């Protein structure tokens, strides 16, 4: 775990560039079927597999990007820890892993019709008008899978596990429009584009997290208008900077994301008027060159840490690209709060 990330990446790059060019067969390749021959040199299926694995690793980690490498390792580690925790617990009880899981499931009892009905009622808005009898079997399978996941998680939680794998962290300033306590143990920085449909979908996600962590999460917004694909993104960002100058950034921010794409100059000015901004000061701000420097600074910071699309987030230095379900980000936030010696 303590090896240099740089050395690991150099080694991986060497394998990618050199793996298929050597005339020495890989270990175990002599007994592997021959895939091709070139002027007397054999290329075996084992060598092809090794080369494909190296390329797959680089593709999945976005070319060996430290964040991608960490995420791949984290997924593998979680799976491995679960596998070993189950094996240790099964051995302690003198059971097979399958028997252990069956015993734990029996102790919890089966998924009942009442459980199925309760889930259906709680998620009625997502059922698209289908009656319960049409979905009951699917709901039951979902709840059984969820219960299996909970059982496995409970066994892992009882095991003595010390994880030393640390995520790579990037340095991004926390200045900008913010919501949440300044001394919150977790800072979530969002790079967004007001014309980006995925950023629109991030709005309720952020709101959910702020409601869940009212005193432990600070949210900072940074501008990243993608002008090449969103022609009104910069104008919207400039208008938001000018709304911020009058202390109205967040209501203006929400209005832009709820606009349905209506971001013409007239639309932006109407939003400013509806929110009670001083329109003369708003117009003067847009006419001045200073407001653009804030956007340029944010965009430069994004490029410096390798952000090229929106939305992107930096959670206490951890780079997170794209949208993730609330529970995924909540798990990350909980880890950061625990690392700060606090209770989520």
C-alpha atoms as a PDB file:
ATOM      1  CA  UNK A   1       0.000   0.000   0.000  1.00  0.00           C
ATOM      2  CA  UNK A   2       2.964   2.273   0.597  1.00  0.00           C
ATOM      3  CA  UNK A   3       4.489   2.044  -2.865  1.00  0.00           C
ATOM      4  CA  UNK A   4       4.770   5.260  -4.824  1.00  0.00           C
ATOM      5  CA  UNK A   5       1.802   5.837  -7.140  1.00  0.00           C
ATOM      6  CA  UNK A   6       4.229   7.292  -9.670  1.00  0.00           C
ATOM      7  CA  UNK A   7       6.318   4.113  -9.699  1.00  0.00           C
ATOM      8  CA  UNK A   8       3.207   1.984 -10.134  1.00  0.00           C
ATOM      9  CA  UNK A   9       2.046   4.058 -13.090  1.00  0.00           C
ATOM     10  CA  UNK A  10       5.476   3.974 -14.715  1.00  0.00           C
ATOM     11  CA  UNK A  11       5.521   0.200 -14.341  1.00  0.00           C
ATOM     12  CA  UNK A  12       2.023  -0.072 -15.826  1.00  0.00           C
ATOM     13  CA  UNK A  13       2.995   2.162 -18.748  1.00  0.00           C
ATOM     14  CA  UNK A  14       6.064   0.038 -19.388  1.00  0.00           C
ATOM     15  CA  UNK A  15       3.917  -3.076 -19.591  1.00  0.00           C
ATOM     16  CA  UNK A  16       1.550  -1.425 -22.068  1.00  0.00           C
ATOM     17  CA  UNK A  17       4.312  -0.222 -24.353  1.00  0.00           C
ATOM     18  CA  UNK A  18       6.570  -3.271 -24.081  1.00  0.00           C
ATOM     19  CA  UNK A  19       4.254  -6.190 -23.348  1.00  0.00           C
ATOM     20  CA  UNK A  20       3.666  -7.209 -26.964  1.00  0.00           C
ATOM     21  CA  UNK A  21       7.105  -6.493 -28.366  1.00  0.00           C
ATOM     22  CA  UNK A  22       9.231  -8.953 -26.409  1.00  0.00           C
ATOM     23  CA  UNK A  23      10.252 -12.216 -28.040  1.00  0.00           C
ATOM     24  CA  UNK A  24      10.445 -13.934 -24.632  1.00  0.00           C
ATOM     25  CA  UNK A  25       7.161 -15.708 -23.832  1.00  0.00           C
ATOM     26  CA  UNK A  26       5.341 -14.654 -20.711  1.00  0.00           C
ATOM     27  CA  UNK A  27       5.348 -16.994 -17.714  1.00  0.00           C
ATOM     28  CA  UNK A  28       3.113 -19.934 -18.509  1.00  0.00           C
ATOM     29  CA  UNK A  29       2.929 -18.934 -22.156  1.00  0.00           C
ATOM     30  CA  UNK A  30       4.803 -22.022 -23.389  1.00  0.00           C
ATOM     31  CA  UNK A  31       1.815 -24.233 -22.669  1.00  0.00           C
ATOM     32  CA  UNK A  32      -0.680 -21.709 -24.030  1.00  0.00           C
ATOM     33  CA  UNK A  33      -2.224 -22.186 -27.480  1.00  0.00           C
ATOM     34  CA  UNK A  34      -0.466 -20.263 -30.248  1.00  0.00           C
ATOM     35  CA  UNK A  35      -2.551 -17.410 -31.634  1.00  0.00           C
ATOM     36  CA  UNK A  36      -0.148 -16.386 -34.431  1.00  0.00           C
ATOM     37  CA  UNK A  37       3.385 -16.781 -35.737  1.00  0.00           C
ATOM     38  CA  UNK A  38       5.565 -14.051 -37.191  1.00  0.00           C
ATOM     39  CA  UNK A  39       8.835 -15.095 -38.870  1.00  0.00           C
ATOM     40  CA  UNK A  40       9.275 -17.952 -36.441  1.00  0.00           C
ATOM     41  CA  UNK A  41       8.191 -16.018 -33.329  1.00  0.00           C
ATOM     42  CA  UNK A  42       5.064 -17.277 -31.604  1.00  0.00           C
ATOM     43  CA  UNK A  43       2.369 -15.088 -30.060  1.00  0.00           C
ATOM     44  CA  UNK A  44       0.372 -17.138 -27.565  1.00  0.00           C
ATOM     45  CA  UNK A  45      -3.116 -16.617 -26.191  1.00  0.00           C
ATOM     46  CA  UNK A  46      -1.601 -16.088 -22.723  1.00  0.00           C
ATOM     47  CA  UNK A  47       0.471 -13.192 -24.078  1.00  0.00           C
ATOM     48  CA  UNK A  48      -2.627 -11.733 -25.722  1.00  0.00           C
ATOM     49  CA  UNK A  49      -4.517 -11.957 -22.429  1.00  0.00           C
ATOM     50  CA  UNK A  50      -1.728 -10.154 -20.574  1.00  0.00           C
ATOM     51  CA  UNK A  51      -1.647  -7.389 -23.178  1.00  0.00           C
ATOM     52  CA  UNK A  52      -5.444  -7.045 -23.110  1.00  0.00           C
ATOM     53  CA  UNK A  53      -5.447  -6.784 -19.302  1.00  0.00           C
ATOM     54  CA  UNK A  54      -2.909  -3.972 -19.401  1.00  0.00           C
ATOM     55  CA  UNK A  55      -4.946  -2.075 -21.984  1.00  0.00           C
ATOM     56  CA  UNK A  56      -8.178  -2.694 -20.078  1.00  0.00           C
ATOM     57  CA  UNK A  57      -6.541  -1.343 -16.914  1.00  0.00           C
ATOM     58  CA  UNK A  58      -5.523   1.844 -18.689  1.00  0.00           C
ATOM     59  CA  UNK A  59      -8.955   2.242 -20.284  1.00  0.00           C
ATOM     60  CA  UNK A  60     -10.775   1.752 -16.983  1.00  0.00           C
ATOM     61  CA  UNK A  61      -8.452   4.164 -15.158  1.00  0.00           C
ATOM     62  CA  UNK A  62      -8.592   6.833 -17.874  1.00  0.00           C
ATOM     63  CA  UNK A  63      -5.010   6.329 -18.968  1.00  0.00           C
ATOM     64  CA  UNK A  64      -3.610   5.626 -15.525  1.00  0.00           C
ATOM     65  CA  UNK A  65      -5.161   8.703 -13.910  1.00  0.00           C
ATOM     66  CA  UNK A  66      -4.529   8.437 -10.124  1.00  0.00           C
ATOM     67  CA  UNK A  67      -8.227   8.891  -9.311  1.00  0.00           C
ATOM     68  CA  UNK A  68      -9.209   6.159 -11.754  1.00  0.00           C
ATOM     69  CA  UNK A  69      -6.511   3.846 -10.384  1.00  0.00           C
ATOM     70  CA  UNK A  70      -7.741   4.458  -6.838  1.00  0.00           C
ATOM     71  CA  UNK A  71     -11.389   3.800  -7.727  1.00  0.00           C
ATOM     72  CA  UNK A  72     -10.474   0.522  -9.431  1.00  0.00           C
ATOM     73  CA  UNK A  73      -8.404  -0.545  -6.434  1.00  0.00           C
ATOM     74  CA  UNK A  74     -11.099   0.539  -3.998  1.00  0.00           C
ATOM     75  CA  UNK A  75     -13.732  -1.583  -5.756  1.00  0.00           C
ATOM     76  CA  UNK A  76     -11.377  -4.570  -5.838  1.00  0.00           C
ATOM     77  CA  UNK A  77     -10.441  -4.105  -2.168  1.00  0.00           C
ATOM     78  CA  UNK A  78     -14.066  -3.907  -0.997  1.00  0.00           C
ATOM     79  CA  UNK A  79     -14.870  -7.113  -2.864  1.00  0.00           C
ATOM     80  CA  UNK A  80     -11.787  -8.849  -1.476  1.00  0.00           C
ATOM     81  CA  UNK A  81     -12.487  -7.726   2.106  1.00  0.00           C
ATOM     82  CA  UNK A  82     -16.050  -9.040   1.874  1.00  0.00           C
ATOM     83  CA  UNK A  83     -14.850 -12.353   0.458  1.00  0.00           C
ATOM     84  CA  UNK A  84     -12.294 -12.832   3.241  1.00  0.00           C
ATOM     85  CA  UNK A  85     -14.615 -11.640   6.019  1.00  0.00           C
ATOM     86  CA  UNK A  86     -17.237 -14.160   4.956  1.00  0.00           C
ATOM     87  CA  UNK A  87     -14.645 -16.924   4.751  1.00  0.00           C
ATOM     88  CA  UNK A  88     -13.254 -16.138   8.233  1.00  0.00           C
ATOM     89  CA  UNK A  89     -16.715 -16.003   9.814  1.00  0.00           C
ATOM     90  CA  UNK A  90     -17.766 -19.236   8.106  1.00  0.00           C
ATOM     91  CA  UNK A  91     -14.601 -20.986   9.311  1.00  0.00           C
ATOM     92  CA  UNK A  92     -15.151 -19.706  12.858  1.00  0.00           C
ATOM     93  CA  UNK A  93     -18.630 -21.245  12.883  1.00  0.00           C
ATOM     94  CA  UNK A  94     -17.583 -24.428  11.110  1.00  0.00           C
ATOM     95  CA  UNK A  95     -19.762 -23.671   8.097  1.00  0.00           C
ATOM     96  CA  UNK A  96     -19.374 -23.102   4.392  1.00  0.00           C
ATOM     97  CA  UNK A  97     -19.931 -19.539   3.185  1.00  0.00           C
ATOM     98  CA  UNK A  98     -23.222 -20.548   1.563  1.00  0.00           C
ATOM     99  CA  UNK A  99     -24.394 -22.188   4.800  1.00  0.00           C
ATOM    100  CA  UNK A 100     -23.359 -19.098   6.772  1.00  0.00           C
ATOM    101  CA  UNK A 101     -25.401 -16.814   4.530  1.00  0.00           C
ATOM    102  CA  UNK A 102     -28.366 -19.188   4.679  1.00  0.00           C
ATOM    103  CA  UNK A 103     -28.191 -19.258   8.487  1.00  0.00           C
ATOM    104  CA  UNK A 104     -28.061 -15.456   8.684  1.00  0.00           C
ATOM    105  CA  UNK A 105     -30.973 -15.162   6.247  1.00  0.00           C
ATOM    106  CA  UNK A 106     -33.027 -17.644   8.262  1.00  0.00           C
ATOM    107  CA  UNK A 107     -32.391 -15.623  11.436  1.00  0.00           C
ATOM    108  CA  UNK A 108     -33.769 -12.529   9.755  1.00  0.00           C
ATOM    109  CA  UNK A 109     -36.803 -14.336   8.394  1.00  0.00           C
ATOM    110  CA  UNK A 110     -38.200 -14.327   4.851  1.00  0.00           C
ATOM    111  CA  UNK A 111     -39.357 -11.322   2.860  1.00  0.00           C
ATOM    112  CA  UNK A 112     -43.080 -11.175   3.603  1.00  0.00           C
ATOM    113  CA  UNK A 113     -46.027 -10.001   1.542  1.00  0.00           C
ATOM    114  CA  UNK A 114     -46.272  -7.085   3.956  1.00  0.00           C
ATOM    115  CA  UNK A 115     -42.664  -6.132   3.142  1.00  0.00           C
ATOM    116  CA  UNK A 116     -43.464  -6.199  -0.581  1.00  0.00           C
ATOM    117  CA  UNK A 117     -46.592  -4.084  -0.119  1.00  0.00           C
ATOM    118  CA  UNK A 118     -44.757  -1.576   2.084  1.00  0.00           C
ATOM    119  CA  UNK A 119     -41.995  -1.164  -0.520  1.00  0.00           C
ATOM    120  CA  UNK A 120     -44.565  -0.701  -3.290  1.00  0.00           C
ATOM    121  CA  UNK A 121     -46.446   1.973  -1.325  1.00  0.00           C
ATOM    122  CA  UNK A 122     -43.245   3.796  -0.343  1.00  0.00           C
ATOM    123  CA  UNK A 123     -42.098   3.950  -3.968  1.00  0.00           C
ATOM    124  CA  UNK A 124     -45.455   4.429  -5.657  1.00  0.00           C
ATOM    125  CA  UNK A 125     -44.247   7.436  -7.654  1.00  0.00           C
ATOM    126  CA  UNK A 126     -41.708   5.190  -9.438  1.00  0.00           C
ATOM    127  CA  UNK A 127     -44.122   2.369 -10.305  1.00  0.00           C
ATOM    128  CA  UNK A 128     -45.416   4.048 -13.480  1.00  0.00           C
ATOM    129  CA  UNK A 129     -49.006   3.096 -12.714  1.00  0.00           C
ATOM    130  CA  UNK A 130     -48.371  -0.674 -12.618  1.00  0.00           C
ATOM    131  CA  UNK A 131     -50.507  -2.555 -10.061  1.00  0.00           C
ATOM    132  CA  UNK A 132     -48.842  -4.333  -7.166  1.00  0.00           C
ATOM    133  CA  UNK A 133     -49.666  -7.806  -8.455  1.00  0.00           C
ATOM    134  CA  UNK A 134     -47.670  -7.125 -11.655  1.00  0.00           C
ATOM    135  CA  UNK A 135     -44.559  -6.071  -9.743  1.00  0.00           C
ATOM    136  CA  UNK A 136     -44.733  -8.212  -6.599  1.00  0.00           C
ATOM    137  CA  UNK A 137     -42.274 -10.880  -7.796  1.00  0.00           C
ATOM    138  CA  UNK A 138     -39.732  -8.294  -8.965  1.00  0.00           C
ATOM    139  CA  UNK A 139     -40.051  -6.361  -5.695  1.00  0.00           C
ATOM    140  CA  UNK A 140     -39.589  -9.557  -3.689  1.00  0.00           C
ATOM    141  CA  UNK A 141     -36.410 -10.428  -5.600  1.00  0.00           C
ATOM    142  CA  UNK A 142     -35.135  -6.879  -5.082  1.00  0.00           C
ATOM    143  CA  UNK A 143     -35.785  -7.040  -1.328  1.00  0.00           C
ATOM    144  CA  UNK A 144     -34.153 -10.460  -1.078  1.00  0.00           C
ATOM    145  CA  UNK A 145     -31.073  -9.166  -2.888  1.00  0.00           C
ATOM    146  CA  UNK A 146     -31.052  -6.104  -0.629  1.00  0.00           C
ATOM    147  CA  UNK A 147     -31.277  -8.347   2.437  1.00  0.00           C
ATOM    148  CA  UNK A 148     -28.370 -10.468   1.188  1.00  0.00           C
ATOM    149  CA  UNK A 149     -26.338  -7.283   0.709  1.00  0.00           C
ATOM    150  CA  UNK A 150     -27.201  -6.169   4.264  1.00  0.00           C
ATOM    151  CA  UNK A 151     -26.221  -9.565   5.695  1.00  0.00           C
ATOM    152  CA  UNK A 152     -22.858  -9.462   3.957  1.00  0.00           C
ATOM    153  CA  UNK A 153     -22.314  -5.880   5.110  1.00  0.00           C
ATOM    154  CA  UNK A 154     -23.124  -6.789   8.712  1.00  0.00           C
ATOM    155  CA  UNK A 155     -20.578  -9.628   8.672  1.00  0.00           C
ATOM    156  CA  UNK A 156     -17.909  -7.308   7.233  1.00  0.00           C
ATOM    157  CA  UNK A 157     -18.774  -4.678   9.870  1.00  0.00           C
ATOM    158  CA  UNK A 158     -18.136  -7.228  12.641  1.00  0.00           C
ATOM    159  CA  UNK A 159     -14.740  -8.148  11.224  1.00  0.00           C
ATOM    160  CA  UNK A 160     -11.569  -6.342  12.283  1.00  0.00           C
ATOM    161  CA  UNK A 161     -10.679  -4.398   9.156  1.00  0.00           C
ATOM    162  CA  UNK A 162      -8.090  -1.631   8.897  1.00  0.00           C
ATOM    163  CA  UNK A 163      -8.050  -0.034   5.460  1.00  0.00           C
ATOM    164  CA  UNK A 164      -4.855   1.835   4.591  1.00  0.00           C
ATOM    165  CA  UNK A 165      -5.643   2.554   0.937  1.00  0.00           C
ATOM    166  CA  UNK A 166      -5.819   6.338   0.609  1.00  0.00           C
ATOM    167  CA  UNK A 167      -7.498   8.236  -2.220  1.00  0.00           C
ATOM    168  CA  UNK A 168      -5.402  10.718  -4.200  1.00  0.00           C
ATOM    169  CA  UNK A 169      -6.313  14.313  -3.464  1.00  0.00           C
ATOM    170  CA  UNK A 170      -6.112  17.448  -5.572  1.00  0.00           C
ATOM    171  CA  UNK A 171      -5.724  21.027  -4.423  1.00  0.00           C
ATOM    172  CA  UNK A 172      -8.610  23.352  -5.292  1.00  0.00           C
ATOM    173  CA  UNK A 173      -9.335  26.657  -3.574  1.00  0.00           C
ATOM    174  CA  UNK A 174     -12.557  26.812  -1.593  1.00  0.00           C
ATOM    175  CA  UNK A 175     -13.374  30.417  -2.451  1.00  0.00           C
ATOM    176  CA  UNK A 176     -16.644  31.127  -4.209  1.00  0.00           C
ATOM    177  CA  UNK A 177     -20.368  31.136  -3.412  1.00  0.00           C
ATOM    178  CA  UNK A 178     -20.890  28.696  -0.557  1.00  0.00           C
ATOM    179  CA  UNK A 179     -23.619  27.153   1.569  1.00  0.00           C
ATOM    180  CA  UNK A 180     -23.022  25.489   4.918  1.00  0.00           C
ATOM    181  CA  UNK A 181     -20.822  26.219   7.928  1.00  0.00           C
ATOM    182  CA  UNK A 182     -17.337  27.532   7.241  1.00  0.00           C
ATOM    183  CA  UNK A 183     -15.938  25.058   9.811  1.00  0.00           C
ATOM    184  CA  UNK A 184     -17.732  22.011   8.378  1.00  0.00           C
ATOM    185  CA  UNK A 185     -15.480  18.924   8.306  1.00  0.00           C
ATOM    186  CA  UNK A 186     -16.409  18.247   4.670  1.00  0.00           C
ATOM    187  CA  UNK A 187     -16.250  20.650   1.740  1.00  0.00           C
ATOM    188  CA  UNK A 188     -17.876  19.657  -1.540  1.00  0.00           C
ATOM    189  CA  UNK A 189     -16.797  21.841  -4.470  1.00  0.00           C
ATOM    190  CA  UNK A 190     -18.948  21.583  -7.604  1.00  0.00           C
ATOM    191  CA  UNK A 191     -17.764  22.630 -11.069  1.00  0.00           C
ATOM    192  CA  UNK A 192     -20.878  23.171 -13.166  1.00  0.00           C
ATOM    193  CA  UNK A 193     -22.344  24.634 -16.344  1.00  0.00           C
ATOM    194  CA  UNK A 194     -25.809  26.220 -16.212  1.00  0.00           C
ATOM    195  CA  UNK A 195     -26.725  24.793 -19.618  1.00  0.00           C
ATOM    196  CA  UNK A 196     -25.567  21.262 -18.819  1.00  0.00           C
ATOM    197  CA  UNK A 197     -28.507  18.819 -18.414  1.00  0.00           C
ATOM    198  CA  UNK A 198     -26.498  16.621 -16.056  1.00  0.00           C
ATOM    199  CA  UNK A 199     -25.776  19.645 -13.849  1.00  0.00           C
ATOM    200  CA  UNK A 200     -29.534  20.228 -13.702  1.00  0.00           C
ATOM    201  CA  UNK A 201     -29.874  16.695 -12.348  1.00  0.00           C
ATOM    202  CA  UNK A 202     -27.177  17.432  -9.780  1.00  0.00           C
ATOM    203  CA  UNK A 203     -29.313  20.172  -8.185  1.00  0.00           C
ATOM    204  CA  UNK A 204     -31.611  17.836  -6.190  1.00  0.00           C
ATOM    205  CA  UNK A 205     -28.602  15.655  -5.364  1.00  0.00           C
ATOM    206  CA  UNK A 206     -26.825  18.572  -3.697  1.00  0.00           C
ATOM    207  CA  UNK A 207     -30.004  19.598  -1.915  1.00  0.00           C
ATOM    208  CA  UNK A 208     -30.425  16.065  -0.554  1.00  0.00           C
ATOM    209  CA  UNK A 209     -26.869  16.044   0.782  1.00  0.00           C
ATOM    210  CA  UNK A 210     -27.238  19.485   2.372  1.00  0.00           C
ATOM    211  CA  UNK A 211     -30.401  18.359   4.150  1.00  0.00           C
ATOM    212  CA  UNK A 212     -28.678  15.207   5.372  1.00  0.00           C
ATOM    213  CA  UNK A 213     -25.554  17.024   6.610  1.00  0.00           C
ATOM    214  CA  UNK A 214     -26.734  20.524   7.651  1.00  0.00           C
ATOM    215  CA  UNK A 215     -23.779  21.174   9.974  1.00  0.00           C
ATOM    216  CA  UNK A 216     -21.140  18.861   8.513  1.00  0.00           C
ATOM    217  CA  UNK A 217     -21.135  19.799   4.823  1.00  0.00           C
ATOM    218  CA  UNK A 218     -20.128  22.997   3.060  1.00  0.00           C
ATOM    219  CA  UNK A 219     -20.947  23.296  -0.655  1.00  0.00           C
ATOM    220  CA  UNK A 220     -18.930  25.625  -2.896  1.00  0.00           C
ATOM    221  CA  UNK A 221     -19.876  26.437  -6.495  1.00  0.00           C
ATOM    222  CA  UNK A 222     -17.378  27.048  -9.288  1.00  0.00           C
ATOM    223  CA  UNK A 223     -18.113  28.017 -12.882  1.00  0.00           C
ATOM    224  CA  UNK A 224     -17.142  25.846 -15.815  1.00  0.00           C
ATOM    225  CA  UNK A 225     -19.159  26.912 -18.885  1.00  0.00           C
ATOM    226  CA  UNK A 226     -18.594  24.504 -21.772  1.00  0.00           C
ATOM    227  CA  UNK A 227     -18.981  27.058 -24.535  1.00  0.00           C
ATOM    228  CA  UNK A 228     -18.156  24.653 -27.356  1.00  0.00           C
ATOM    229  CA  UNK A 229     -21.346  22.681 -26.753  1.00  0.00           C
ATOM    230  CA  UNK A 230     -23.441  25.076 -24.642  1.00  0.00           C
ATOM    231  CA  UNK A 231     -23.547  28.502 -26.358  1.00  0.00           C
ATOM    232  CA  UNK A 232     -25.498  30.205 -23.544  1.00  0.00           C
ATOM    233  CA  UNK A 233     -23.480  28.757 -20.670  1.00  0.00           C
ATOM    234  CA  UNK A 234     -21.019  31.660 -20.400  1.00  0.00           C
ATOM    235  CA  UNK A 235     -23.728  34.321 -20.491  1.00  0.00           C
ATOM    236  CA  UNK A 236     -25.559  32.467 -17.711  1.00  0.00           C
ATOM    237  CA  UNK A 237     -22.358  32.198 -15.674  1.00  0.00           C
ATOM    238  CA  UNK A 238     -21.652  35.928 -16.105  1.00  0.00           C
ATOM    239  CA  UNK A 239     -25.190  36.774 -15.009  1.00  0.00           C
ATOM    240  CA  UNK A 240     -24.753  34.541 -11.946  1.00  0.00           C
ATOM    241  CA  UNK A 241     -21.509  36.333 -11.037  1.00  0.00           C
ATOM    242  CA  UNK A 242     -23.366  39.631 -11.188  1.00  0.00           C
ATOM    243  CA  UNK A 243     -26.201  38.219  -9.073  1.00  0.00           C
ATOM    244  CA  UNK A 244     -23.546  37.115  -6.577  1.00  0.00           C
ATOM    245  CA  UNK A 245     -22.265  40.694  -6.439  1.00  0.00           C
ATOM    246  CA  UNK A 246     -25.674  41.635  -5.007  1.00  0.00           C
ATOM    247  CA  UNK A 247     -25.827  38.702  -2.579  1.00  0.00           C
ATOM    248  CA  UNK A 248     -28.334  36.735  -4.654  1.00  0.00           C
ATOM    249  CA  UNK A 249     -26.182  33.986  -6.134  1.00  0.00           C
ATOM    250  CA  UNK A 250     -28.001  30.945  -4.744  1.00  0.00           C
ATOM    251  CA  UNK A 251     -31.563  31.939  -5.656  1.00  0.00           C
ATOM    252  CA  UNK A 252     -30.269  32.955  -9.100  1.00  0.00           C
ATOM    253  CA  UNK A 253     -28.360  29.663  -9.358  1.00  0.00           C
ATOM    254  CA  UNK A 254     -31.531  27.694  -8.595  1.00  0.00           C
ATOM    255  CA  UNK A 255     -33.572  29.752 -11.052  1.00  0.00           C
ATOM    256  CA  UNK A 256     -31.079  29.118 -13.866  1.00  0.00           C
ATOM    257  CA  UNK A 257     -31.126  25.370 -13.316  1.00  0.00           C
ATOM    258  CA  UNK A 258     -34.934  25.413 -13.200  1.00  0.00           C
ATOM    259  CA  UNK A 259     -35.255  27.522 -16.360  1.00  0.00           C
ATOM    260  CA  UNK A 260     -35.689  24.623 -18.758  1.00  0.00           C
ATOM    261  CA  UNK A 261     -32.927  26.038 -20.942  1.00  0.00           C
ATOM    262  CA  UNK A 262     -34.414  29.534 -21.277  1.00  0.00           C
ATOM    263  CA  UNK A 263     -31.146  31.475 -20.970  1.00  0.00           C
ATOM    264  CA  UNK A 264     -31.370  34.345 -23.450  1.00  0.00           C
ATOM    265  CA  UNK A 265     -30.144  37.760 -22.329  1.00  0.00           C
ATOM    266  CA  UNK A 266     -33.768  38.825 -21.839  1.00  0.00           C
ATOM    267  CA  UNK A 267     -34.499  35.687 -19.798  1.00  0.00           C
ATOM    268  CA  UNK A 268     -31.496  36.298 -17.571  1.00  0.00           C
ATOM    269  CA  UNK A 269     -32.489  39.907 -16.966  1.00  0.00           C
ATOM    270  CA  UNK A 270     -36.063  38.839 -16.184  1.00  0.00           C
ATOM    271  CA  UNK A 271     -34.768  36.407 -13.574  1.00  0.00           C
ATOM    272  CA  UNK A 272     -32.670  39.182 -12.060  1.00  0.00           C
ATOM    273  CA  UNK A 273     -35.723  41.431 -11.902  1.00  0.00           C
ATOM    274  CA  UNK A 274     -37.930  38.726 -10.388  1.00  0.00           C
ATOM    275  CA  UNK A 275     -35.363  38.127  -7.644  1.00  0.00           C
ATOM    276  CA  UNK A 276     -35.249  41.825  -6.763  1.00  0.00           C
ATOM    277  CA  UNK A 277     -31.794  42.680  -8.087  1.00  0.00           C
ATOM    278  CA  UNK A 278     -30.877  46.286  -8.776  1.00  0.00           C
ATOM    279  CA  UNK A 279     -31.081  46.132 -12.581  1.00  0.00           C
ATOM    280  CA  UNK A 280     -28.906  49.181 -13.153  1.00  0.00           C
ATOM    281  CA  UNK A 281     -26.136  47.622 -11.039  1.00  0.00           C
ATOM    282  CA  UNK A 282     -26.717  44.279 -12.783  1.00  0.00           C
ATOM    283  CA  UNK A 283     -26.327  45.856 -16.235  1.00  0.00           C
ATOM    284  CA  UNK A 284     -23.232  47.778 -15.140  1.00  0.00           C
ATOM    285  CA  UNK A 285     -21.691  44.568 -13.796  1.00  0.00           C
ATOM    286  CA  UNK A 286     -22.236  42.766 -17.102  1.00  0.00           C
ATOM    287  CA  UNK A 287     -20.702  45.670 -19.007  1.00  0.00           C
ATOM    288  CA  UNK A 288     -17.554  45.699 -16.853  1.00  0.00           C
ATOM    289  CA  UNK A 289     -14.658  43.329 -17.654  1.00  0.00           C
ATOM    290  CA  UNK A 290     -14.036  42.265 -14.056  1.00  0.00           C
ATOM    291  CA  UNK A 291     -16.844  39.708 -13.776  1.00  0.00           C
ATOM    292  CA  UNK A 292     -15.257  37.459 -16.409  1.00  0.00           C
ATOM    293  CA  UNK A 293     -12.078  36.994 -14.336  1.00  0.00           C
ATOM    294  CA  UNK A 294     -13.929  34.903 -11.754  1.00  0.00           C
ATOM    295  CA  UNK A 295     -15.129  32.487 -14.436  1.00  0.00           C
ATOM    296  CA  UNK A 296     -11.659  32.312 -15.978  1.00  0.00           C
ATOM    297  CA  UNK A 297     -10.123  31.533 -12.586  1.00  0.00           C
ATOM    298  CA  UNK A 298     -12.603  28.728 -11.898  1.00  0.00           C
ATOM    299  CA  UNK A 299     -12.112  27.235 -15.357  1.00  0.00           C
ATOM    300  CA  UNK A 300      -8.337  27.360 -14.987  1.00  0.00           C
ATOM    301  CA  UNK A 301      -8.569  25.527 -11.655  1.00  0.00           C
ATOM    302  CA  UNK A 302     -10.684  22.830 -13.279  1.00  0.00           C
ATOM    303  CA  UNK A 303      -8.138  22.312 -16.032  1.00  0.00           C
ATOM    304  CA  UNK A 304      -5.281  22.212 -13.550  1.00  0.00           C
ATOM    305  CA  UNK A 305      -6.730  19.174 -11.749  1.00  0.00           C
ATOM    306  CA  UNK A 306      -7.858  17.383 -14.909  1.00  0.00           C
ATOM    307  CA  UNK A 307     -11.555  18.260 -14.996  1.00  0.00           C
ATOM    308  CA  UNK A 308     -12.856  18.423 -18.559  1.00  0.00           C
ATOM    309  CA  UNK A 309     -16.593  17.848 -18.158  1.00  0.00           C
ATOM    310  CA  UNK A 310     -19.477  18.811 -15.912  1.00  0.00           C
ATOM    311  CA  UNK A 311     -20.631  18.207 -13.326  1.00  0.00           C
ATOM    312  CA  UNK A 312     -17.446  17.422 -11.456  1.00  0.00           C
ATOM    313  CA  UNK A 313     -16.901  17.513  -7.720  1.00  0.00           C
ATOM    314  CA  UNK A 314     -13.979  17.795  -5.337  1.00  0.00           C
ATOM    315  CA  UNK A 315     -14.812  16.317  -1.925  1.00  0.00           C
ATOM    316  CA  UNK A 316     -12.141  17.267   0.607  1.00  0.00           C
ATOM    317  CA  UNK A 317      -9.652  17.013  -2.252  1.00  0.00           C
ATOM    318  CA  UNK A 318     -11.103  13.812  -3.730  1.00  0.00           C
ATOM    319  CA  UNK A 319     -11.904  14.285  -7.415  1.00  0.00           C
ATOM    320  CA  UNK A 320     -15.300  12.875  -8.434  1.00  0.00           C
ATOM    321  CA  UNK A 321     -16.279  13.037 -12.088  1.00  0.00           C
ATOM    322  CA  UNK A 322     -19.929  12.943 -13.143  1.00  0.00           C
ATOM    323  CA  UNK A 323     -23.120  12.138 -11.277  1.00  0.00           C
ATOM    324  CA  UNK A 324     -23.329   9.499  -8.581  1.00  0.00           C
ATOM    325  CA  UNK A 325     -26.323   8.334  -6.503  1.00  0.00           C
ATOM    326  CA  UNK A 326     -26.785  10.194  -3.189  1.00  0.00           C
ATOM    327  CA  UNK A 327     -25.897   7.102  -1.164  1.00  0.00           C
ATOM    328  CA  UNK A 328     -22.511   6.823  -2.924  1.00  0.00           C
ATOM    329  CA  UNK A 329     -21.581  10.408  -2.095  1.00  0.00           C
ATOM    330  CA  UNK A 330     -23.042  10.023   1.406  1.00  0.00           C
ATOM    331  CA  UNK A 331     -20.735   7.063   2.029  1.00  0.00           C
ATOM    332  CA  UNK A 332     -17.757   9.186   0.956  1.00  0.00           C
ATOM    333  CA  UNK A 333     -18.904  12.042   3.190  1.00  0.00           C
ATOM    334  CA  UNK A 334     -19.330   9.682   6.143  1.00  0.00           C
ATOM    335  CA  UNK A 335     -15.744   8.476   5.690  1.00  0.00           C
ATOM    336  CA  UNK A 336     -14.426  12.024   5.661  1.00  0.00           C
ATOM    337  CA  UNK A 337     -16.432  12.934   8.773  1.00  0.00           C
ATOM    338  CA  UNK A 338     -15.158   9.838  10.569  1.00  0.00           C
ATOM    339  CA  UNK A 339     -11.585  10.654   9.508  1.00  0.00           C
ATOM    340  CA  UNK A 340     -12.047  14.057  11.133  1.00  0.00           C
ATOM    341  CA  UNK A 341     -12.908  12.294  14.392  1.00  0.00           C
ATOM    342  CA  UNK A 342     -16.584  13.219  14.270  1.00  0.00           C
ATOM    343  CA  UNK A 343     -19.826  11.228  14.061  1.00  0.00           C
ATOM    344  CA  UNK A 344     -21.744  11.363  10.771  1.00  0.00           C
END
